[in-house]
C-alpha atoms as a PDB file:
ATOM      1  CA  MET A   1     250.461  16.367  93.007  1.00  0.00           C
ATOM      2  CA  ASN A   2     249.997  19.336  90.659  1.00  0.00           C
ATOM      3  CA  GLU A   3     251.573  22.384  92.359  1.00  0.00           C
ATOM      4  CA  THR A   4     249.116  24.854  90.835  1.00  0.00           C
ATOM      5  CA  HIS A   5     246.226  22.771  92.132  1.00  0.00           C
ATOM      6  CA  ASN A   6     247.847  22.557  95.580  1.00  0.00           C
ATOM      7  CA  ASP A   7     248.417  26.314  95.680  1.00  0.00           C
ATOM      8  CA  TYR A   8     244.766  26.957  94.845  1.00  0.00           C
ATOM      9  CA  GLN A   9     243.499  24.518  97.460  1.00  0.00           C
ATOM     10  CA  GLN A  10     245.679  26.077 100.153  1.00  0.00           C
ATOM     11  CA  ALA A  11     244.409  29.537  99.231  1.00  0.00           C
ATOM     12  CA  TYR A  12     240.819  28.245  99.121  1.00  0.00           C
ATOM     13  CA  TYR A  13     241.041  27.073 102.726  1.00  0.00           C
ATOM     14  CA  SER A  14     243.251  29.849 104.102  1.00  0.00           C
ATOM     15  CA  SER A  15     241.435  32.911 102.797  1.00  0.00           C
ATOM     16  CA  ARG A  16     238.122  32.729 104.681  1.00  0.00           C
ATOM     17  CA  PRO A  17     236.670  31.761 108.042  1.00  0.00           C
ATOM     18  CA  LEU A  18     235.738  28.076 108.274  1.00  0.00           C
ATOM     19  CA  PRO A  19     233.530  27.784 111.372  1.00  0.00           C
ATOM     20  CA  ARG A  20     231.832  24.586 110.138  1.00  0.00           C
ATOM     21  CA  MET A  21     235.200  22.788 109.909  1.00  0.00           C
ATOM     22  CA  THR A  22     236.491  23.408 113.439  1.00  0.00           C
ATOM     23  CA  THR A  23     236.682  21.011 116.364  1.00  0.00           C
ATOM     24  CA  ASP A  24     233.731  22.904 117.887  1.00  0.00           C
ATOM     25  CA  GLN A  25     231.550  20.905 115.482  1.00  0.00           C
ATOM     26  CA  SER A  26     232.915  17.479 116.483  1.00  0.00           C
ATOM     27  CA  GLY A  27     230.099  16.629 118.863  1.00  0.00           C
ATOM     28  CA  THR A  28     227.182  17.564 116.627  1.00  0.00           C
ATOM     29  CA  PRO A  29     224.778  14.815 115.503  1.00  0.00           C
ATOM     30  CA  TYR A  30     225.710  15.535 111.868  1.00  0.00           C
ATOM     31  CA  VAL A  31     229.417  14.874 112.435  1.00  0.00           C
ATOM     32  CA  GLN A  32     228.801  12.007 114.830  1.00  0.00           C
ATOM     33  CA  ARG A  33     226.640  10.215 112.257  1.00  0.00           C
ATOM     34  CA  HIS A  34     229.447  10.442 109.706  1.00  0.00           C
ATOM     35  CA  VAL A  35     232.010   9.210 112.193  1.00  0.00           C
ATOM     36  CA  SER A  36     229.777   6.315 113.259  1.00  0.00           C
ATOM     37  CA  GLU A  37     229.417   5.157 109.650  1.00  0.00           C
ATOM     38  CA  VAL A  38     233.170   5.329 109.076  1.00  0.00           C
ATOM     39  CA  VAL A  39     233.981   3.550 112.344  1.00  0.00           C
ATOM     40  CA  ALA A  40     231.523   0.774 111.477  1.00  0.00           C
ATOM     41  CA  ALA A  41     233.183   0.365 108.084  1.00  0.00           C
ATOM     42  CA  LEU A  42     236.626   0.243 109.695  1.00  0.00           C
ATOM     43  CA  GLY A  43     235.601  -2.600 111.986  1.00  0.00           C
ATOM     44  CA  LEU A  44     238.227  -1.559 114.562  1.00  0.00           C
ATOM     45  CA  GLN A  45     238.098  -1.018 118.301  1.00  0.00           C
ATOM     46  CA  PRO A  46     239.177   2.121 120.190  1.00  0.00           C
ATOM     47  CA  GLY A  47     242.947   2.179 120.593  1.00  0.00           C
ATOM     48  CA  ALA A  48     243.577   1.378 116.932  1.00  0.00           C
ATOM     49  CA  ARG A  49     246.043   3.720 115.246  1.00  0.00           C
ATOM     50  CA  LEU A  50     244.513   5.856 112.483  1.00  0.00           C
ATOM     51  CA  LEU A  51     245.902   8.306 109.941  1.00  0.00           C
ATOM     52  CA  ASP A  52     243.327  10.949 108.993  1.00  0.00           C
ATOM     53  CA  LEU A  53     244.264  12.384 105.601  1.00  0.00           C
ATOM     54  CA  GLY A  54     243.178  15.895 104.666  1.00  0.00           C
ATOM     55  CA  CYS A  55     242.234  16.561 108.269  1.00  0.00           C
ATOM     56  CA  GLY A  56     241.786  20.310 107.823  1.00  0.00           C
ATOM     57  CA  LEU A  57     240.694  21.997 111.052  1.00  0.00           C
ATOM     58  CA  GLY A  58     240.078  18.606 112.564  1.00  0.00           C
ATOM     59  CA  LYS A  59     236.399  18.262 113.371  1.00  0.00           C
ATOM     60  CA  TYR A  60     236.464  14.605 112.282  1.00  0.00           C
ATOM     61  CA  THR A  61     239.988  13.967 113.574  1.00  0.00           C
ATOM     62  CA  ALA A  62     238.938  15.203 117.000  1.00  0.00           C
ATOM     63  CA  ALA A  63     235.741  13.147 116.905  1.00  0.00           C
ATOM     64  CA  LEU A  64     237.777   9.995 116.219  1.00  0.00           C
ATOM     65  CA  ALA A  65     240.211  10.843 119.016  1.00  0.00           C
ATOM     66  CA  ASP A  66     237.317  11.445 121.403  1.00  0.00           C
ATOM     67  CA  ARG A  67     236.096   7.915 120.656  1.00  0.00           C
ATOM     68  CA  GLY A  68     239.397   6.515 121.874  1.00  0.00           C
ATOM     69  CA  PHE A  69     241.290   6.035 118.618  1.00  0.00           C
ATOM     70  CA  ASP A  70     244.990   6.909 118.408  1.00  0.00           C
ATOM     71  CA  VAL A  71     244.729   9.428 115.575  1.00  0.00           C
ATOM     72  CA  VAL A  72     247.374  11.290 113.593  1.00  0.00           C
ATOM     73  CA  GLY A  73     246.111  14.073 111.325  1.00  0.00           C
ATOM     74  CA  LEU A  74     247.758  15.113 108.067  1.00  0.00           C
ATOM     75  CA  ASP A  75     246.988  18.169 105.966  1.00  0.00           C
ATOM     76  CA  LEU A  76     248.625  20.219 103.223  1.00  0.00           C
ATOM     77  CA  THR A  77     247.715  23.692 104.499  1.00  0.00           C
ATOM     78  CA  PRO A  78     249.980  25.099 107.264  1.00  0.00           C
ATOM     79  CA  ALA A  79     247.347  27.493 108.610  1.00  0.00           C
ATOM     80  CA  LEU A  80     244.889  24.640 109.183  1.00  0.00           C
ATOM     81  CA  VAL A  81     247.524  22.431 110.792  1.00  0.00           C
ATOM     82  CA  ASP A  82     248.570  25.255 113.130  1.00  0.00           C
ATOM     83  CA  GLU A  83     244.991  25.995 114.163  1.00  0.00           C
ATOM     84  CA  LEU A  84     244.152  22.338 114.805  1.00  0.00           C
ATOM     85  CA  THR A  85     247.322  21.943 116.870  1.00  0.00           C
ATOM     86  CA  ARG A  86     246.379  25.020 118.898  1.00  0.00           C
ATOM     87  CA  ARG A  87     242.872  23.729 119.542  1.00  0.00           C
ATOM     88  CA  ARG A  88     243.818  20.096 120.175  1.00  0.00           C
ATOM     89  CA  PRO A  89     247.439  19.805 121.338  1.00  0.00           C
ATOM     90  CA  ASP A  90     246.705  16.193 122.336  1.00  0.00           C
ATOM     91  CA  ILE A  91     246.469  15.190 118.645  1.00  0.00           C
ATOM     92  CA  GLU A  92     249.599  14.790 116.511  1.00  0.00           C
ATOM     93  CA  VAL A  93     249.176  16.734 113.264  1.00  0.00           C
ATOM     94  CA  ILE A  94     251.601  16.610 110.335  1.00  0.00           C
ATOM     95  CA  GLN A  95     251.845  19.208 107.579  1.00  0.00           C
ATOM     96  CA  ALA A  96     252.477  17.301 104.348  1.00  0.00           C
ATOM     97  CA  ASP A  97     251.056  16.471 100.935  1.00  0.00           C
ATOM     98  CA  ALA A  98     248.916  13.342 101.187  1.00  0.00           C
ATOM     99  CA  ALA A  99     250.069  12.398  97.690  1.00  0.00           C
ATOM    100  CA  ASP A 100     253.674  12.224  98.928  1.00  0.00           C
ATOM    101  CA  LEU A 101     253.553  10.291 102.195  1.00  0.00           C
ATOM    102  CA  PRO A 102     256.445  11.071 104.561  1.00  0.00           C
ATOM    103  CA  ALA A 103     258.672   8.007 104.841  1.00  0.00           C
ATOM    104  CA  GLY A 104     258.289   7.813 108.619  1.00  0.00           C
ATOM    105  CA  LEU A 105     254.575   7.081 108.277  1.00  0.00           C
ATOM    106  CA  GLU A 106     254.874   3.934 106.144  1.00  0.00           C
ATOM    107  CA  GLY A 107     253.316   0.806 107.644  1.00  0.00           C
ATOM    108  CA  ARG A 108     252.414   2.491 110.929  1.00  0.00           C
ATOM    109  CA  PHE A 109     248.616   2.479 110.877  1.00  0.00           C
ATOM    110  CA  ASP A 110     245.753   0.047 111.344  1.00  0.00           C
ATOM    111  CA  ALA A 111     243.562   2.262 109.188  1.00  0.00           C
ATOM    112  CA  VAL A 112     243.512   5.389 107.053  1.00  0.00           C
ATOM    113  CA  THR A 113     240.518   7.711 107.000  1.00  0.00           C
ATOM    114  CA  GLY A 114     239.538  10.770 105.009  1.00  0.00           C
ATOM    115  CA  PHE A 115     236.411  12.928 105.317  1.00  0.00           C
ATOM    116  CA  PHE A 116     235.298  15.032 102.336  1.00  0.00           C
ATOM    117  CA  PHE A 117     238.881  15.143 101.101  1.00  0.00           C
ATOM    118  CA  LEU A 118     239.221  13.112  97.906  1.00  0.00           C
ATOM    119  CA  HIS A 119     237.074  15.431  95.827  1.00  0.00           C
ATOM    120  CA  HIS A 120     239.633  18.209  96.344  1.00  0.00           C
ATOM    121  CA  LEU A 121     242.341  16.190  94.573  1.00  0.00           C
ATOM    122  CA  ASP A 122     243.344  16.477  90.937  1.00  0.00           C
ATOM    123  CA  ASP A 123     244.436  12.815  90.892  1.00  0.00           C
ATOM    124  CA  LEU A 124     243.122  10.050  93.147  1.00  0.00           C
ATOM    125  CA  GLU A 125     245.794   7.420  92.571  1.00  0.00           C
ATOM    126  CA  PRO A 126     248.760   9.068  94.391  1.00  0.00           C
ATOM    127  CA  VAL A 127     246.710   9.541  97.545  1.00  0.00           C
ATOM    128  CA  MET A 128     245.303   6.025  97.354  1.00  0.00           C
ATOM    129  CA  THR A 129     248.897   4.830  97.032  1.00  0.00           C
ATOM    130  CA  SER A 130     249.891   6.853 100.095  1.00  0.00           C
ATOM    131  CA  ALA A 131     246.995   5.344 102.024  1.00  0.00           C
ATOM    132  CA  ARG A 132     248.098   1.843 101.051  1.00  0.00           C
ATOM    133  CA  ARG A 133     251.709   2.562 102.062  1.00  0.00           C
ATOM    134  CA  ALA A 134     250.643   3.933 105.435  1.00  0.00           C
ATOM    135  CA  LEU A 135     248.800   0.744 106.377  1.00  0.00           C
ATOM    136  CA  ARG A 136     250.075  -2.223 108.270  1.00  0.00           C
ATOM    137  CA  ASP A 137     249.368  -5.666 106.803  1.00  0.00           C
ATOM    138  CA  GLY A 138     245.627  -6.242 106.921  1.00  0.00           C
ATOM    139  CA  GLY A 139     244.852  -2.538 107.270  1.00  0.00           C
ATOM    140  CA  VAL A 140     241.838  -0.783 105.769  1.00  0.00           C
ATOM    141  CA  ALA A 141     241.163   2.658 104.291  1.00  0.00           C
ATOM    142  CA  VAL A 142     237.743   4.302 104.564  1.00  0.00           C
ATOM    143  CA  PHE A 143     236.832   7.602 102.938  1.00  0.00           C
ATOM    144  CA  LEU A 144     233.602   9.595 103.185  1.00  0.00           C
ATOM    145  CA  GLU A 145     232.725  11.822 100.225  1.00  0.00           C
ATOM    146  CA  PRO A 146     229.808  13.614  98.598  1.00  0.00           C
ATOM    147  CA  ASN A 147     227.877  11.303  96.287  1.00  0.00           C
ATOM    148  CA  PRO A 148     228.090  12.902  92.819  1.00  0.00           C
ATOM    149  CA  ILE A 149     224.641  11.666  91.825  1.00  0.00           C
ATOM    150  CA  TYR A 150     223.018  13.522  94.736  1.00  0.00           C
ATOM    151  CA  VAL A 151     221.505  16.579  93.041  1.00  0.00           C
ATOM    152  CA  PRO A 152     221.434  19.049  95.984  1.00  0.00           C
ATOM    153  CA  TYR A 153     225.244  19.334  95.941  1.00  0.00           C
ATOM    154  CA  ALA A 154     225.062  21.402  92.775  1.00  0.00           C
ATOM    155  CA  LEU A 155     222.744  23.838  94.541  1.00  0.00           C
ATOM    156  CA  GLN A 156     224.964  23.949  97.617  1.00  0.00           C
ATOM    157  CA  VAL A 157     228.108  24.811  95.631  1.00  0.00           C
ATOM    158  CA  THR A 158     226.264  27.393  93.531  1.00  0.00           C
ATOM    159  CA  PHE A 159     224.581  29.293  96.346  1.00  0.00           C
ATOM    160  CA  THR A 160     226.827  28.885  99.412  1.00  0.00           C
ATOM    161  CA  PRO A 161     228.994  31.990 100.026  1.00  0.00           C
ATOM    162  CA  GLY A 162     232.693  31.130  99.833  1.00  0.00           C
ATOM    163  CA  MET A 163     232.226  27.864  97.922  1.00  0.00           C
ATOM    164  CA  THR A 164     233.380  27.769  94.300  1.00  0.00           C
ATOM    165  CA  TRP A 165     233.036  25.301  91.461  1.00  0.00           C
ATOM    166  CA  ARG A 166     236.805  25.378  90.999  1.00  0.00           C
ATOM    167  CA  GLY A 167     237.245  24.258  94.591  1.00  0.00           C
ATOM    168  CA  GLU A 168     234.455  21.664  94.612  1.00  0.00           C
ATOM    169  CA  ARG A 169     234.120  20.384  91.040  1.00  0.00           C
ATOM    170  CA  GLY A 170     236.054  17.242  91.939  1.00  0.00           C
ATOM    171  CA  ILE A 171     232.807  15.871  93.371  1.00  0.00           C
ATOM    172  CA  TYR A 172     231.845  14.932  89.833  1.00  0.00           C
ATOM    173  CA  ARG A 173     235.122  13.109  89.187  1.00  0.00           C
ATOM    174  CA  LEU A 174     234.330  10.691  92.019  1.00  0.00           C
ATOM    175  CA  THR A 175     232.521   8.182  89.868  1.00  0.00           C
ATOM    176  CA  SER A 176     232.440   4.567  90.984  1.00  0.00           C
ATOM    177  CA  ARG A 177     234.662   3.607  88.047  1.00  0.00           C
ATOM    178  CA  ASN A 178     237.307   6.222  88.884  1.00  0.00           C
ATOM    179  CA  ILE A 179     237.371   5.357  92.575  1.00  0.00           C
ATOM    180  CA  VAL A 180     237.659   1.601  92.075  1.00  0.00           C
ATOM    181  CA  ALA A 181     240.273   1.942  89.335  1.00  0.00           C
ATOM    182  CA  ALA A 182     242.479   4.269  91.411  1.00  0.00           C
ATOM    183  CA  ALA A 183     242.234   2.085  94.517  1.00  0.00           C
ATOM    184  CA  ARG A 184     243.120  -1.078  92.636  1.00  0.00           C
ATOM    185  CA  ARG A 185     246.067   0.556  90.877  1.00  0.00           C
ATOM    186  CA  ALA A 186     247.274   1.607  94.318  1.00  0.00           C
ATOM    187  CA  GLY A 187     247.297  -2.020  95.451  1.00  0.00           C
ATOM    188  CA  PHE A 188     243.956  -2.462  97.203  1.00  0.00           C
ATOM    189  CA  ALA A 189     242.349  -5.790  96.362  1.00  0.00           C
ATOM    190  CA  LYS A 190     238.822  -5.146  97.628  1.00  0.00           C
ATOM    191  CA  VAL A 191     236.878  -1.924  97.145  1.00  0.00           C
ATOM    192  CA  SER A 192     233.264  -1.386  98.196  1.00  0.00           C
ATOM    193  CA  LEU A 193     230.976   1.619  97.829  1.00  0.00           C
ATOM    194  CA  ASP A 194     227.857   2.431  99.809  1.00  0.00           C
ATOM    195  CA  ALA A 195     225.769   5.551 100.446  1.00  0.00           C
ATOM    196  CA  PHE A 196     223.662   6.979 103.236  1.00  0.00           C
ATOM    197  CA  GLY A 197     222.223  10.252 104.478  1.00  0.00           C
ATOM    198  CA  ALA A 198     219.877  12.827 103.044  1.00  0.00           C
ATOM    199  CA  THR A 199     219.842  16.020 105.085  1.00  0.00           C
ATOM    200  CA  PRO A 200     222.236  18.953 105.636  1.00  0.00           C
ATOM    201  CA  PRO A 201     223.603  19.912 109.082  1.00  0.00           C
ATOM    202  CA  ALA A 202     220.813  22.379 109.821  1.00  0.00           C
ATOM    203  CA  LEU A 203     218.320  19.506 109.670  1.00  0.00           C
ATOM    204  CA  THR A 204     220.434  16.572 110.881  1.00  0.00           C
ATOM    205  CA  ASN A 205     221.295  18.455 114.061  1.00  0.00           C
ATOM    206  CA  ARG A 206     217.609  18.639 114.980  1.00  0.00           C
ATOM    207  CA  PRO A 207     215.661  15.615 116.282  1.00  0.00           C
ATOM    208  CA  TRP A 208     212.877  16.007 113.717  1.00  0.00           C
ATOM    209  CA  GLY A 209     215.481  16.336 110.954  1.00  0.00           C
ATOM    210  CA  ARG A 210     217.066  13.042 111.971  1.00  0.00           C
ATOM    211  CA  ARG A 211     213.660  11.382 111.924  1.00  0.00           C
ATOM    212  CA  LEU A 212     213.102  12.762 108.438  1.00  0.00           C
ATOM    213  CA  GLU A 213     216.486  11.471 107.302  1.00  0.00           C
ATOM    214  CA  GLY A 214     215.720   8.034 108.712  1.00  0.00           C
ATOM    215  CA  ALA A 215     212.453   7.924 106.792  1.00  0.00           C
ATOM    216  CA  VAL A 216     214.174   8.923 103.542  1.00  0.00           C
ATOM    217  CA  GLU A 217     216.858   6.283 104.036  1.00  0.00           C
ATOM    218  CA  ARG A 218     214.192   3.588 104.150  1.00  0.00           C
ATOM    219  CA  ILE A 219     213.356   4.297 100.514  1.00  0.00           C
ATOM    220  CA  PRO A 220     214.440   1.260  98.444  1.00  0.00           C
ATOM    221  CA  GLY A 221     217.734   1.894  96.660  1.00  0.00           C
ATOM    222  CA  TRP A 222     218.787   4.801  98.891  1.00  0.00           C
ATOM    223  CA  SER A 223     222.046   2.995  99.699  1.00  0.00           C
ATOM    224  CA  ARG A 224     223.091   3.820  96.138  1.00  0.00           C
ATOM    225  CA  VAL A 225     221.838   7.390  95.764  1.00  0.00           C
ATOM    226  CA  GLY A 226     222.232   8.788  99.301  1.00  0.00           C
ATOM    227  CA  ALA A 227     224.020  12.062  99.963  1.00  0.00           C
ATOM    228  CA  PHE A 228     227.235  10.601 101.357  1.00  0.00           C
ATOM    229  CA  ARG A 229     229.366   7.950  99.705  1.00  0.00           C
ATOM    230  CA  LEU A 230     231.307   5.555 101.907  1.00  0.00           C
ATOM    231  CA  ILE A 231     234.414   4.103 100.225  1.00  0.00           C
ATOM    232  CA  ARG A 232     236.156   1.115 101.814  1.00  0.00           C
ATOM    233  CA  ALA A 233     239.411  -0.281 100.424  1.00  0.00           C
ATOM    234  CA  ALA A 234     241.393  -3.204 101.820  1.00  0.00           C
END
């Protein structure tokens, strides 16, 4: 992967507090909804071995582990890996570039996951290739990402302190065409895209906010334009 891009991403995630990314958030309704959607797409039972790429501070990695999956986290940034290891010593975490899979991880996993990770890449194909190499025969990769056609993301990036367009602009490279093309070049035969969700954490974590989100999701066609894009490759 481009070293300049990697250096920027490490600085982006090492230079500021990230309270919304920590394992303290793992049990919130917002995170649990995301994990439930990914687990449903995986179609696997607890005990399956998962590789969580771009795990960061591990709020999703920990949520998967707490559901009984045998999870290994992988992230590029040493500071994030160290903090996740400190908070959750029961989870194996590897510091490495997801675009250059360590040889010892090849063919070891029933599934690969990634939460809000792909849009930070400058090139999708190397990471899709790593995901494919990490899987056992019959394995599946599922990624959860912002849906680029969901307008509120532009407002979030523009007005949220600490977020930058340089760090987040990859959202708009995640077109259906780019995702499917990269996955197929990496060796995946079947790629499906779906969408869900409508509300930010401040609303989803409240009962009335979840009711509102459920009502919005019943709008015809919301599975295409929803806030979160679910990518499944097998």
